[in-house]
Amino acid sequence: MITLFVLSAALQAGTTPTAAPAPATAPSPTQEAAPKLRCKRQAETGSYVRATRICHTEKEWREIERGNSLEMDRFRDRTPINSARPLGS
């Protein structure tokens, strides 16, 4: 009944009825979703209150941690175990 009314109103106005918009579809599995950001607060040196918010993706955080780990390993390798012994001996 309602469809008939809409159709007759459209015909009287001289326009053709348009179809309802298609419902939004879910993204296909082949489309990759945008990576989520994970944020951390980093305290600023010399302040108890002030902090900076740093946001990266999970992949970027893993790379940062990997770089930090490598740097700490290099630092440990350069530091002599016995401080009385000179480095490289």
N, C-alpha and C. Protein backbone atom coordinates (compact mmCIF):
# COMPACT_ATOMS: atom_id res chain seq x y z
N MET A 1 0.83 -1.18 0.00
CA MET A 1 0.00 0.00 0.00
C MET A 1 0.88 1.25 0.00
N ILE A 2 1.88 1.28 0.90
CA ILE A 2 2.78 2.43 0.96
C ILE A 2 3.58 2.53 -0.33
N THR A 3 4.00 1.40 -0.86
CA THR A 3 4.77 1.39 -2.10
C THR A 3 3.94 1.99 -3.23
N LEU A 4 2.68 1.65 -3.28
CA LEU A 4 1.78 2.18 -4.30
C LEU A 4 1.66 3.69 -4.18
N PHE A 5 1.56 4.19 -2.96
CA PHE A 5 1.46 5.63 -2.72
C PHE A 5 2.73 6.34 -3.18
N VAL A 6 3.90 5.79 -2.84
CA VAL A 6 5.18 6.40 -3.22
C VAL A 6 5.31 6.39 -4.74
N LEU A 7 4.93 5.28 -5.36
CA LEU A 7 5.02 5.17 -6.80
C LEU A 7 4.12 6.17 -7.50
N SER A 8 2.89 6.30 -7.03
CA SER A 8 1.96 7.24 -7.65
C SER A 8 2.42 8.68 -7.42
N ALA A 9 2.97 8.99 -6.26
CA ALA A 9 3.47 10.34 -5.99
C ALA A 9 4.65 10.64 -6.90
N ALA A 10 5.51 9.67 -7.15
CA ALA A 10 6.66 9.86 -8.02
C ALA A 10 6.21 10.06 -9.46
N LEU A 11 5.23 9.31 -9.90
CA LEU A 11 4.73 9.46 -11.27
C LEU A 11 4.08 10.82 -11.46
N GLN A 12 3.36 11.29 -10.47
CA GLN A 12 2.71 12.59 -10.58
C GLN A 12 3.76 13.70 -10.63
N ALA A 13 4.86 13.53 -9.92
CA ALA A 13 5.91 14.55 -9.91
C ALA A 13 6.76 14.49 -11.17
N GLY A 14 6.64 13.40 -11.92
CA GLY A 14 7.39 13.27 -13.17
C GLY A 14 8.78 12.71 -12.97
N THR A 15 9.04 12.15 -11.83
CA THR A 15 10.35 11.55 -11.59
C THR A 15 10.17 10.06 -11.37
N THR A 16 11.24 9.34 -11.52
CA THR A 16 11.19 7.91 -11.27
C THR A 16 11.74 7.63 -9.89
N PRO A 17 11.14 6.70 -9.17
CA PRO A 17 11.65 6.40 -7.83
C PRO A 17 13.02 5.73 -7.92
N THR A 18 13.84 6.05 -6.98
CA THR A 18 15.18 5.45 -6.93
C THR A 18 15.20 4.35 -5.90
N ALA A 19 16.09 3.44 -6.10
CA ALA A 19 16.23 2.32 -5.17
C ALA A 19 16.87 2.83 -3.87
N ALA A 20 16.57 2.14 -2.79
CA ALA A 20 17.18 2.48 -1.50
C ALA A 20 18.67 2.23 -1.58
N PRO A 21 19.47 3.02 -0.89
CA PRO A 21 20.92 2.80 -0.93
C PRO A 21 21.27 1.43 -0.38
N ALA A 22 22.27 0.84 -0.98
CA ALA A 22 22.70 -0.49 -0.55
C ALA A 22 23.30 -0.41 0.85
N PRO A 23 23.05 -1.41 1.68
CA PRO A 23 23.63 -1.40 3.03
C PRO A 23 25.15 -1.49 2.94
N ALA A 24 25.80 -0.89 3.91
CA ALA A 24 27.26 -0.91 3.95
C ALA A 24 27.74 -2.35 4.12
N THR A 25 28.74 -2.71 3.34
CA THR A 25 29.26 -4.07 3.42
C THR A 25 30.53 -4.09 4.25
N ALA A 26 30.78 -5.21 4.83
CA ALA A 26 32.00 -5.38 5.63
C ALA A 26 33.19 -5.43 4.68
N PRO A 27 34.34 -4.93 5.10
CA PRO A 27 35.52 -4.98 4.23
C PRO A 27 35.90 -6.43 3.94
N SER A 28 36.34 -6.65 2.72
CA SER A 28 36.72 -8.02 2.35
C SER A 28 37.98 -8.43 3.11
N PRO A 29 38.18 -9.73 3.26
CA PRO A 29 39.36 -10.20 4.00
C PRO A 29 40.67 -9.81 3.32
N THR A 30 40.63 -9.52 2.01
CA THR A 30 41.85 -9.15 1.33
C THR A 30 42.25 -7.71 1.65
N GLN A 31 41.27 -6.88 2.05
CA GLN A 31 41.61 -5.52 2.44
C GLN A 31 42.21 -5.52 3.83
N GLU A 32 43.30 -4.82 3.98
CA GLU A 32 43.97 -4.79 5.28
C GLU A 32 43.47 -3.59 6.07
N ALA A 33 43.11 -3.82 7.31
CA ALA A 33 42.65 -2.73 8.18
C ALA A 33 43.83 -1.86 8.56
N ALA A 34 43.54 -0.62 8.87
CA ALA A 34 44.60 0.30 9.30
C ALA A 34 45.19 -0.20 10.61
N PRO A 35 46.51 -0.16 10.76
CA PRO A 35 47.12 -0.66 11.99
C PRO A 35 46.73 0.22 13.18
N LYS A 36 46.50 -0.42 14.30
CA LYS A 36 46.14 0.31 15.51
C LYS A 36 47.38 0.88 16.17
N LEU A 37 47.21 2.02 16.76
CA LEU A 37 48.31 2.66 17.47
C LEU A 37 48.26 2.29 18.95
N ARG A 38 49.42 2.12 19.54
CA ARG A 38 49.53 1.90 20.97
C ARG A 38 50.36 3.05 21.52
N CYS A 39 49.85 3.71 22.52
CA CYS A 39 50.52 4.90 23.05
C CYS A 39 51.10 4.61 24.43
N LYS A 40 52.23 5.26 24.69
CA LYS A 40 52.89 5.17 26.00
C LYS A 40 53.18 6.59 26.47
N ARG A 41 53.22 6.75 27.77
CA ARG A 41 53.60 8.05 28.34
C ARG A 41 55.05 7.96 28.78
N GLN A 42 55.85 8.92 28.36
CA GLN A 42 57.26 8.95 28.72
C GLN A 42 57.49 10.20 29.57
N ALA A 43 57.94 9.98 30.80
CA ALA A 43 58.20 11.10 31.72
C ALA A 43 59.37 11.91 31.20
N GLU A 44 59.24 13.22 31.32
CA GLU A 44 60.33 14.10 30.89
C GLU A 44 61.34 14.24 32.02
N THR A 45 62.59 14.30 31.65
CA THR A 45 63.66 14.44 32.63
C THR A 45 63.52 15.76 33.37
N GLY A 46 63.60 15.71 34.70
CA GLY A 46 63.55 16.92 35.51
C GLY A 46 62.15 17.34 35.90
N SER A 47 61.15 16.53 35.59
CA SER A 47 59.79 16.90 35.95
C SER A 47 59.07 15.68 36.52
N TYR A 48 58.35 15.90 37.60
CA TYR A 48 57.56 14.82 38.19
C TYR A 48 56.20 14.70 37.50
N VAL A 49 55.76 15.77 36.88
CA VAL A 49 54.41 15.82 36.35
C VAL A 49 54.35 15.74 34.83
N ARG A 50 55.24 16.42 34.17
CA ARG A 50 55.18 16.52 32.72
C ARG A 50 55.59 15.20 32.07
N ALA A 51 54.80 14.79 31.09
CA ALA A 51 55.09 13.57 30.34
C ALA A 51 54.69 13.79 28.89
N THR A 52 55.34 13.07 28.01
CA THR A 52 55.05 13.13 26.59
C THR A 52 54.38 11.83 26.18
N ARG A 53 53.36 11.93 25.37
CA ARG A 53 52.66 10.75 24.87
C ARG A 53 53.27 10.37 23.53
N ILE A 54 53.70 9.11 23.42
CA ILE A 54 54.34 8.63 22.20
C ILE A 54 53.50 7.48 21.66
N CYS A 55 53.10 7.56 20.40
CA CYS A 55 52.24 6.54 19.79
C CYS A 55 52.94 5.92 18.58
N HIS A 56 52.91 4.61 18.52
CA HIS A 56 53.46 3.84 17.41
C HIS A 56 52.58 2.61 17.20
N THR A 57 52.73 1.95 16.06
CA THR A 57 52.05 0.69 15.82
C THR A 57 52.83 -0.42 16.54
N GLU A 58 52.21 -1.58 16.64
CA GLU A 58 52.88 -2.71 17.31
C GLU A 58 54.18 -3.07 16.61
N LYS A 59 54.19 -3.02 15.29
CA LYS A 59 55.40 -3.34 14.53
C LYS A 59 56.51 -2.33 14.84
N GLU A 60 56.16 -1.06 14.91
CA GLU A 60 57.16 -0.03 15.22
C GLU A 60 57.70 -0.19 16.64
N TRP A 61 56.81 -0.53 17.60
CA TRP A 61 57.29 -0.75 18.98
C TRP A 61 58.26 -1.92 19.03
N ARG A 62 57.99 -3.00 18.28
CA ARG A 62 58.91 -4.14 18.26
C ARG A 62 60.27 -3.73 17.71
N GLU A 63 60.28 -2.92 16.65
CA GLU A 63 61.54 -2.45 16.07
C GLU A 63 62.30 -1.56 17.06
N ILE A 64 61.58 -0.71 17.78
CA ILE A 64 62.23 0.16 18.78
C ILE A 64 62.85 -0.69 19.88
N GLU A 65 62.10 -1.67 20.39
CA GLU A 65 62.61 -2.56 21.44
C GLU A 65 63.82 -3.35 20.94
N ARG A 66 63.76 -3.81 19.70
CA ARG A 66 64.88 -4.56 19.12
C ARG A 66 66.12 -3.67 19.04
N GLY A 67 65.95 -2.44 18.59
CA GLY A 67 67.08 -1.51 18.51
C GLY A 67 67.65 -1.21 19.88
N ASN A 68 66.77 -1.03 20.88
CA ASN A 68 67.25 -0.77 22.24
C ASN A 68 68.02 -1.96 22.78
N SER A 69 67.52 -3.15 22.50
CA SER A 69 68.20 -4.36 22.97
C SER A 69 69.58 -4.50 22.34
N LEU A 70 69.66 -4.24 21.03
CA LEU A 70 70.96 -4.31 20.36
C LEU A 70 71.94 -3.28 20.92
N GLU A 71 71.46 -2.09 21.18
CA GLU A 71 72.32 -1.04 21.72
C GLU A 71 72.83 -1.42 23.12
N MET A 72 71.96 -1.99 23.95
CA MET A 72 72.39 -2.43 25.28
C MET A 72 73.42 -3.55 25.19
N ASP A 73 73.25 -4.46 24.24
CA ASP A 73 74.23 -5.53 24.04
C ASP A 73 75.59 -4.95 23.64
N ARG A 74 75.57 -3.97 22.74
CA ARG A 74 76.83 -3.33 22.32
C ARG A 74 77.49 -2.62 23.50
N PHE A 75 76.69 -1.96 24.30
CA PHE A 75 77.22 -1.25 25.47
C PHE A 75 77.87 -2.23 26.44
N ARG A 76 77.20 -3.36 26.70
CA ARG A 76 77.76 -4.37 27.61
C ARG A 76 79.05 -4.95 27.07
N ASP A 77 79.13 -5.14 25.74
CA ASP A 77 80.34 -5.70 25.14
C ASP A 77 81.52 -4.73 25.24
N ARG A 78 81.26 -3.43 25.25
CA ARG A 78 82.33 -2.44 25.34
C ARG A 78 82.77 -2.18 26.77
N THR A 79 81.95 -2.54 27.73
CA THR A 79 82.26 -2.26 29.13
C THR A 79 83.09 -3.41 29.71
N PRO A 80 84.27 -3.10 30.24
CA PRO A 80 85.08 -4.17 30.84
C PRO A 80 84.43 -4.69 32.12
N ILE A 81 84.58 -5.98 32.35
CA ILE A 81 84.01 -6.60 33.54
C ILE A 81 84.77 -6.12 34.78
N ASN A 82 86.08 -6.08 34.68
CA ASN A 82 86.91 -5.61 35.79
C ASN A 82 87.40 -4.22 35.41
N SER A 83 87.00 -3.21 36.16
CA SER A 83 87.34 -1.83 35.81
C SER A 83 88.84 -1.56 35.90
N ALA A 84 89.61 -2.40 36.61
CA ALA A 84 91.05 -2.19 36.72
C ALA A 84 91.75 -2.64 35.45
N ARG A 85 91.11 -3.51 34.69
CA ARG A 85 91.70 -4.02 33.47
C ARG A 85 91.33 -3.08 32.32
N PRO A 86 92.28 -2.63 31.54
CA PRO A 86 91.96 -1.73 30.44
C PRO A 86 91.16 -2.46 29.35
N LEU A 87 90.35 -1.70 28.67
CA LEU A 87 89.51 -2.25 27.61
C LEU A 87 90.36 -2.73 26.46
N GLY A 88 90.06 -3.89 25.91
CA GLY A 88 90.79 -4.44 24.77
C GLY A 88 91.99 -5.28 25.16
N SER A 89 92.25 -5.49 26.44
CA SER A 89 93.40 -6.31 26.85
C SER A 89 93.00 -7.74 27.03
